[in-house]
Amino acid sequence: MRNWLERRWYAQTPPPRFLRPLAALYGAVAQGVAARRKRQAVRLPAPVIVVGNLALGGTGKTPFVMWLVETLRARGRKPGVVSRGYGGRPGRDPLRVTQHTDPARCGDEPALLARRLGVPVAVAPDRVAAARLLLDSGAVDVIVADDGLQHYRLARDLEICVVDGARGLGNGALLPAGPLREPPARLSEVNFVVVNGGGWRTALAPCVDLHLRLNEAVSLRDGERRPLARFAGRRVHAVAGIGHPPRFFAALRAAGLQPIEHPFADHHRYAAADLAYDDGLPVLMTEKDAVKCLAFARPDWWCVPARAELSAGDAAAVRQWLDRVFDAFDAAHG
């Protein structure tokens, strides 16, 4: 059913007629919840930058969050990341994520952020509580909310929406008739849109382009790094349990590899038996999958980090938005 829905969502056809009443109900309920949470929004004693999306499925949000965190650090800031912890079991109380936290507890994306960047990360259903945990530590002076666009209880100073440039907003309909959590008009409220892969555009908000580069492979066993080009021309098992696995497989083919595709559900919890191919071929997977496979990794298993790149002009535009946020916050707080 999920596969059938996704094909309909992103096809150039009208939303299924029998799902439209459910989409209208979903929209009414979501709008009511959002209005109530906006009235209850909590303002924190630090700038809050929210990165999220409107559509279900992968858009390239996590690589952009990594780029954003590194950009903030380069500008002398001390960012911390908060997340819901999807795919994990963090409990009701905020959980501080370290490089050693089990992804089954905190979720794969928070585990990846903590391990790749060494940045303070906290997860909780209540993003306000998670942010307070980080701010109370004294190690953080700006909060980045990963996948927080619809978490209105957390007041924000900057909103960024990430959109898949190849798929856009699909048929533009709300769940379950389409892939959207909120209507397309929501983009008029964000500060800017990051388009993964370029191409797609909206007149509702400024757009910058993001491109994901796969340049190297990293061994899950010992951390050895190899240029991805070393695998060119070879058959490999390609594993992806992300929002949109075909993007990973297509990137490997573009790099000259011959992937045997193994798509899994987003946030899939792996067991060794899932990857027991036993034919001597290398296994390549996304970084998000790799953090869940370290405990039983074999010698020829590799993760392929996706590095976010923005043009010089787009990167400068993002830095200007950040500077305006900090200038406004500093002016308001003396």
Protein backbone atom coordinates (compact mmCIF):
# COMPACT_ATOMS: atom_id res chain seq x y z
CA MET A 1 0.00 0.00 0.00
CA ARG A 2 2.80 2.45 0.89
CA ASN A 3 4.54 1.83 -2.45
CA TRP A 4 1.28 2.28 -4.36
CA LEU A 5 0.54 5.50 -2.52
CA GLU A 6 4.00 6.92 -3.17
CA ARG A 7 3.69 6.19 -6.88
CA ARG A 8 0.36 8.01 -6.95
CA TRP A 9 1.63 10.89 -4.79
CA TYR A 10 4.50 11.68 -7.14
CA ALA A 11 2.81 10.88 -10.45
CA GLN A 12 1.48 13.70 -12.62
CA THR A 13 -2.09 12.67 -11.86
CA PRO A 14 -4.78 14.10 -9.56
CA PRO A 15 -4.96 12.75 -5.99
CA PRO A 16 -7.05 9.57 -5.59
CA ARG A 17 -10.65 10.72 -5.28
CA PHE A 18 -11.57 8.31 -2.49
CA LEU A 19 -8.75 9.67 -0.28
CA ARG A 20 -9.63 13.34 -0.63
CA PRO A 21 -12.15 13.41 2.25
CA LEU A 22 -9.52 11.87 4.54
CA ALA A 23 -7.01 14.50 3.41
CA ALA A 24 -9.51 17.25 4.21
CA LEU A 25 -10.06 15.77 7.68
CA TYR A 26 -6.32 15.43 8.24
CA GLY A 27 -5.80 19.07 7.22
CA ALA A 28 -8.51 20.35 9.54
CA VAL A 29 -7.15 18.42 12.52
CA ALA A 30 -3.52 19.40 11.77
CA GLN A 31 -4.50 23.05 11.40
CA GLY A 32 -6.29 23.01 14.75
CA VAL A 33 -3.37 21.37 16.51
CA ALA A 34 -0.91 23.82 14.94
CA ALA A 35 -2.99 26.83 15.99
CA ARG A 36 -3.19 25.61 19.58
CA ARG A 37 0.56 24.89 19.79
CA LYS A 38 1.45 28.26 18.30
CA ARG A 39 -0.50 29.93 21.12
CA GLN A 40 1.49 27.83 23.60
CA ALA A 41 4.87 28.34 21.91
CA VAL A 42 7.84 28.60 24.26
CA ARG A 43 10.57 31.15 23.59
CA LEU A 44 14.01 29.93 24.66
CA PRO A 45 16.97 32.09 25.77
CA ALA A 46 18.88 31.27 22.57
CA PRO A 47 18.19 31.50 18.83
CA VAL A 48 16.29 28.53 17.40
CA ILE A 49 16.74 27.40 13.79
CA VAL A 50 14.23 24.87 12.51
CA VAL A 51 14.99 22.60 9.55
CA GLY A 52 12.18 20.42 8.24
CA ASN A 53 10.09 19.41 5.28
CA LEU A 54 6.50 19.30 4.15
CA ALA A 55 6.61 15.94 2.38
CA LEU A 56 7.03 12.49 3.87
CA GLY A 57 10.14 10.62 2.84
CA GLY A 58 13.74 11.61 2.31
CA THR A 59 14.58 15.09 1.11
CA GLY A 60 18.26 15.40 2.09
CA LYS A 61 17.45 17.17 5.33
CA THR A 62 20.08 15.49 7.52
CA PRO A 63 23.07 16.30 5.25
CA PHE A 64 21.90 19.91 5.19
CA VAL A 65 21.65 19.95 9.00
CA MET A 66 25.27 18.75 9.09
CA TRP A 67 26.32 21.51 6.70
CA LEU A 68 24.41 24.07 8.77
CA VAL A 69 26.01 22.93 12.05
CA GLU A 70 29.49 23.14 10.52
CA THR A 71 28.70 26.59 9.12
CA LEU A 72 27.54 27.80 12.54
CA ARG A 73 30.72 26.47 14.14
CA ALA A 74 32.84 28.22 11.53
CA ARG A 75 31.12 31.48 12.53
CA GLY A 76 32.08 31.03 16.17
CA ARG A 77 28.77 29.65 17.39
CA LYS A 78 28.13 26.64 19.63
CA PRO A 79 25.23 24.74 18.03
CA GLY A 80 23.26 21.92 19.59
CA VAL A 81 20.75 19.72 17.76
CA VAL A 82 17.36 18.56 19.04
CA SER A 83 15.22 15.89 17.43
CA ARG A 84 12.17 13.73 18.05
CA GLY A 85 14.35 10.62 17.73
CA TYR A 86 12.27 8.79 15.13
CA GLY A 87 13.07 5.10 14.92
CA GLY A 88 14.30 5.02 18.53
CA ARG A 89 12.83 4.66 22.00
CA PRO A 90 14.11 7.71 23.89
CA GLY A 91 11.35 7.73 26.53
CA ARG A 92 9.46 10.76 27.77
CA ASP A 93 12.40 12.53 29.42
CA PRO A 94 15.04 14.21 27.25
CA LEU A 95 17.97 12.00 26.33
CA ARG A 96 21.45 13.40 25.73
CA VAL A 97 22.93 11.56 22.76
CA THR A 98 26.64 10.77 22.68
CA GLN A 99 28.83 9.02 20.16
CA HIS A 100 28.18 5.78 22.07
CA THR A 101 24.39 5.96 22.40
CA ASP A 102 22.57 3.00 20.86
CA PRO A 103 20.64 4.14 17.75
CA ALA A 104 17.83 1.78 18.82
CA ARG A 105 17.30 4.12 21.75
CA CYS A 106 17.90 7.57 20.26
CA GLY A 107 17.10 7.06 16.57
CA ASP A 108 19.47 6.73 13.62
CA GLU A 109 19.69 10.39 12.58
CA PRO A 110 20.56 11.76 16.06
CA ALA A 111 23.15 8.99 16.45
CA LEU A 112 24.65 9.92 13.09
CA LEU A 113 24.82 13.63 13.98
CA ALA A 114 26.50 12.93 17.32
CA ARG A 115 29.06 10.55 15.79
CA ARG A 116 29.86 12.51 12.64
CA LEU A 117 30.03 15.98 14.17
CA GLY A 118 30.58 15.45 17.88
CA VAL A 119 27.89 18.08 18.37
CA PRO A 120 25.66 18.15 21.48
CA VAL A 121 22.44 16.31 20.58
CA ALA A 122 19.29 15.67 22.62
CA VAL A 123 16.11 13.81 21.71
CA ALA A 124 12.62 13.89 23.21
CA PRO A 125 9.01 13.99 22.02
CA ASP A 126 9.01 17.51 23.52
CA ARG A 127 11.67 19.42 21.59
CA VAL A 128 11.43 22.30 24.13
CA ALA A 129 12.57 19.98 26.92
CA ALA A 130 15.37 18.60 24.73
CA ALA A 131 16.58 22.12 23.94
CA ARG A 132 16.54 23.13 27.59
CA LEU A 133 18.67 20.10 28.45
CA LEU A 134 21.34 21.31 26.00
CA LEU A 135 21.13 24.96 27.01
CA ASP A 136 21.43 24.09 30.71
CA SER A 137 24.73 22.36 29.96
CA GLY A 138 26.29 25.70 29.01
CA ALA A 139 27.87 24.15 25.91
CA VAL A 140 25.28 25.47 23.44
CA ASP A 141 24.30 28.98 22.32
CA VAL A 142 22.04 28.16 19.34
CA ILE A 143 19.53 25.35 18.84
CA VAL A 144 19.05 23.55 15.51
CA ALA A 145 15.78 21.61 15.47
CA ASP A 146 16.06 18.70 13.04
CA ASP A 147 12.69 17.84 11.49
CA GLY A 148 10.93 20.45 13.63
CA LEU A 149 8.86 22.37 11.09
CA GLN A 150 5.57 21.05 12.50
CA HIS A 151 6.63 21.17 16.18
CA TYR A 152 5.02 24.56 16.79
CA ARG A 153 5.41 24.50 20.56
CA LEU A 154 9.08 25.40 20.00
CA ALA A 155 9.22 29.08 19.01
CA ARG A 156 11.70 29.66 16.23
CA ASP A 157 13.83 32.49 14.83
CA LEU A 158 14.51 30.93 11.43
CA GLU A 159 12.57 28.33 9.44
CA ILE A 160 14.14 26.32 6.63
CA CYS A 161 12.26 23.80 4.50
CA VAL A 162 14.14 21.15 2.48
CA VAL A 163 12.49 19.89 -0.73
CA ASP A 164 13.54 17.05 -3.02
CA GLY A 165 14.31 18.78 -6.32
CA ALA A 166 13.36 15.72 -8.38
CA ARG A 167 10.01 15.02 -6.70
CA GLY A 168 9.04 18.46 -5.43
CA LEU A 169 5.78 18.42 -3.46
CA GLY A 170 4.31 15.58 -5.50
CA ASN A 171 0.64 16.07 -6.31
CA GLY A 172 0.40 18.88 -3.75
CA ALA A 173 -2.21 17.09 -1.65
CA LEU A 174 -2.25 16.41 2.08
CA LEU A 175 -1.94 12.94 3.60
CA PRO A 176 -3.17 10.38 2.70
CA ALA A 177 -4.19 11.69 -0.74
CA GLY A 178 -0.70 13.14 -1.19
CA PRO A 179 2.68 13.23 0.57
CA LEU A 180 2.26 16.55 2.41
CA ARG A 181 2.02 17.14 6.15
CA GLU A 182 0.96 20.74 5.52
CA PRO A 183 -0.38 22.51 2.40
CA PRO A 184 2.05 24.04 -0.13
CA ALA A 185 1.05 27.55 1.07
CA ARG A 186 3.04 26.82 4.24
CA LEU A 187 6.16 27.68 2.24
CA SER A 188 5.15 31.34 2.30
CA GLU A 189 5.88 31.31 6.05
CA VAL A 190 9.40 29.86 5.94
CA ASN A 191 12.50 32.03 5.53
CA PHE A 192 13.90 30.03 2.63
CA VAL A 193 13.72 26.67 0.87
CA VAL A 194 16.67 24.35 0.26
CA VAL A 195 16.17 22.38 -2.96
CA ASN A 196 18.08 19.09 -2.94
CA GLY A 197 19.35 18.50 -6.47
CA GLY A 198 18.11 21.79 -7.85
CA GLY A 199 15.51 22.20 -10.55
CA TRP A 200 12.33 22.60 -8.53
CA ARG A 201 11.22 26.12 -7.65
CA THR A 202 8.44 27.94 -5.82
CA ALA A 203 7.37 31.57 -5.91
CA LEU A 204 6.40 31.42 -2.23
CA ALA A 205 9.90 31.65 -0.71
CA PRO A 206 13.54 32.26 -1.70
CA CYS A 207 15.30 29.08 -2.84
CA VAL A 208 18.88 27.85 -2.64
CA ASP A 209 20.21 24.68 -4.23
CA LEU A 210 21.84 21.80 -2.37
CA HIS A 211 23.80 19.01 -4.05
CA LEU A 212 24.81 15.80 -2.30
CA ARG A 213 28.22 14.39 -3.22
CA LEU A 214 29.33 10.79 -2.67
CA ASN A 215 33.12 10.91 -2.83
CA GLU A 216 34.42 8.17 -0.55
CA ALA A 217 33.61 4.94 1.25
CA VAL A 218 34.43 4.32 4.91
CA SER A 219 34.93 0.85 6.38
CA LEU A 220 32.48 -0.04 9.16
CA ARG A 221 35.10 -2.29 10.74
CA ASP A 222 38.19 -0.09 11.01
CA GLY A 223 37.37 3.34 9.57
CA GLU A 224 39.58 2.93 6.49
CA ARG A 225 38.70 5.49 3.81
CA ARG A 226 38.76 4.79 0.10
CA PRO A 227 37.78 6.95 -2.86
CA LEU A 228 34.40 5.77 -4.13
CA ALA A 229 36.04 5.58 -7.56
CA ARG A 230 37.88 2.47 -6.34
CA PHE A 231 34.57 0.60 -6.62
CA ALA A 232 33.77 1.86 -10.13
CA GLY A 233 32.89 -0.89 -12.59
CA ARG A 234 32.24 -3.40 -9.78
CA ARG A 235 29.05 -5.07 -8.67
CA VAL A 236 28.23 -4.18 -5.07
CA HIS A 237 25.34 -4.73 -2.72
CA ALA A 238 23.75 -1.33 -2.08
CA VAL A 239 21.72 -1.00 1.13
CA ALA A 240 19.47 1.97 1.87
CA GLY A 241 16.88 2.26 4.64
CA ILE A 242 16.16 5.94 4.06
CA GLY A 243 13.15 7.99 2.98
CA HIS A 244 13.90 7.63 -0.75
CA PRO A 245 16.38 4.76 -1.43
CA PRO A 246 16.42 5.22 -5.24
CA ARG A 247 18.38 8.45 -4.78
CA PHE A 248 21.26 6.53 -3.16
CA PHE A 249 21.23 3.81 -5.81
CA ALA A 250 21.19 6.37 -8.62
CA ALA A 251 24.14 8.22 -7.08
CA LEU A 252 26.16 5.00 -6.97
CA ARG A 253 25.38 4.29 -10.62
CA ALA A 254 26.39 7.85 -11.52
CA ALA A 255 29.74 7.16 -9.83
CA GLY A 256 30.27 4.15 -12.11
CA LEU A 257 29.27 1.38 -9.69
CA GLN A 258 26.92 -1.51 -10.50
CA PRO A 259 24.64 -1.68 -7.44
CA ILE A 260 22.48 -4.65 -6.54
CA GLU A 261 19.68 -2.70 -4.90
CA HIS A 262 18.41 -3.57 -1.41
CA PRO A 263 15.86 -0.95 -0.31
CA PHE A 264 14.57 -1.10 3.27
CA ALA A 265 11.94 0.93 5.08
CA ASP A 266 13.04 4.26 6.53
CA HIS A 267 14.52 3.80 10.05
CA HIS A 268 14.70 0.02 9.54
CA ARG A 269 16.25 -1.75 12.53
CA TYR A 270 18.83 -4.08 11.01
CA ALA A 271 19.87 -7.55 12.06
CA ALA A 272 22.90 -9.38 10.69
CA ALA A 273 20.62 -11.74 8.75
CA ASP A 274 19.27 -8.80 6.73
CA LEU A 275 22.65 -8.37 5.04
CA ALA A 276 23.84 -11.97 4.85
CA TYR A 277 24.48 -12.06 1.10
CA ASP A 278 27.52 -14.36 1.33
CA ASP A 279 28.70 -13.95 -2.24
CA GLY A 280 31.94 -12.06 -1.60
CA LEU A 281 30.71 -8.75 -2.99
CA PRO A 282 31.23 -5.52 -1.04
CA VAL A 283 28.26 -4.05 0.82
CA LEU A 284 27.82 -0.29 0.56
CA MET A 285 25.24 1.58 2.60
CA THR A 286 24.25 5.08 3.65
CA GLU A 287 25.70 6.61 6.80
CA LYS A 288 22.28 6.52 8.44
CA ASP A 289 22.16 2.75 7.93
CA ALA A 290 25.75 2.24 9.01
CA VAL A 291 25.28 3.53 12.56
CA LYS A 292 22.84 0.63 13.12
CA CYS A 293 25.13 -2.04 11.65
CA LEU A 294 28.43 -1.34 13.43
CA ALA A 295 27.94 -4.05 16.05
CA PHE A 296 27.86 -6.88 13.49
CA ALA A 297 29.77 -5.35 10.57
CA ARG A 298 31.85 -7.58 8.31
CA PRO A 299 35.24 -6.63 6.80
CA ASP A 300 33.94 -5.58 3.36
CA TRP A 301 31.08 -3.40 4.55
CA TRP A 302 31.32 0.30 3.77
CA CYS A 303 29.29 3.41 4.41
CA VAL A 304 29.15 6.17 1.82
CA PRO A 305 28.80 9.61 3.46
CA ALA A 306 26.70 12.16 1.60
CA ARG A 307 28.35 15.59 1.73
CA ALA A 308 26.16 18.63 1.20
CA GLU A 309 27.48 21.30 -1.15
CA LEU A 310 26.06 24.74 -1.88
CA SER A 311 27.34 27.19 -4.46
CA ALA A 312 29.38 30.11 -3.16
CA GLY A 313 26.46 32.46 -3.81
CA ASP A 314 23.88 30.24 -2.08
CA ALA A 315 26.19 29.60 0.88
CA ALA A 316 26.71 33.34 1.26
CA ALA A 317 22.93 33.89 1.20
CA VAL A 318 22.44 31.34 3.99
CA ARG A 319 25.17 32.99 6.07
CA GLN A 320 23.40 36.34 5.64
CA TRP A 321 20.14 34.85 6.94
CA LEU A 322 22.03 33.46 9.92
CA ASP A 323 23.67 36.79 10.63
CA ARG A 324 20.30 38.54 10.57
CA VAL A 325 18.93 36.03 13.08
CA PHE A 326 21.78 36.60 15.51
CA ASP A 327 21.72 40.37 15.07
CA ALA A 328 17.98 40.45 15.78
CA PHE A 329 18.33 38.13 18.79
CA ASP A 330 21.21 40.13 20.25
CA ALA A 331 19.32 43.39 19.75
CA ALA A 332 16.24 42.00 21.51
CA HIS A 333 18.24 40.65 24.45
CA GLY A 334 20.62 43.52 24.96
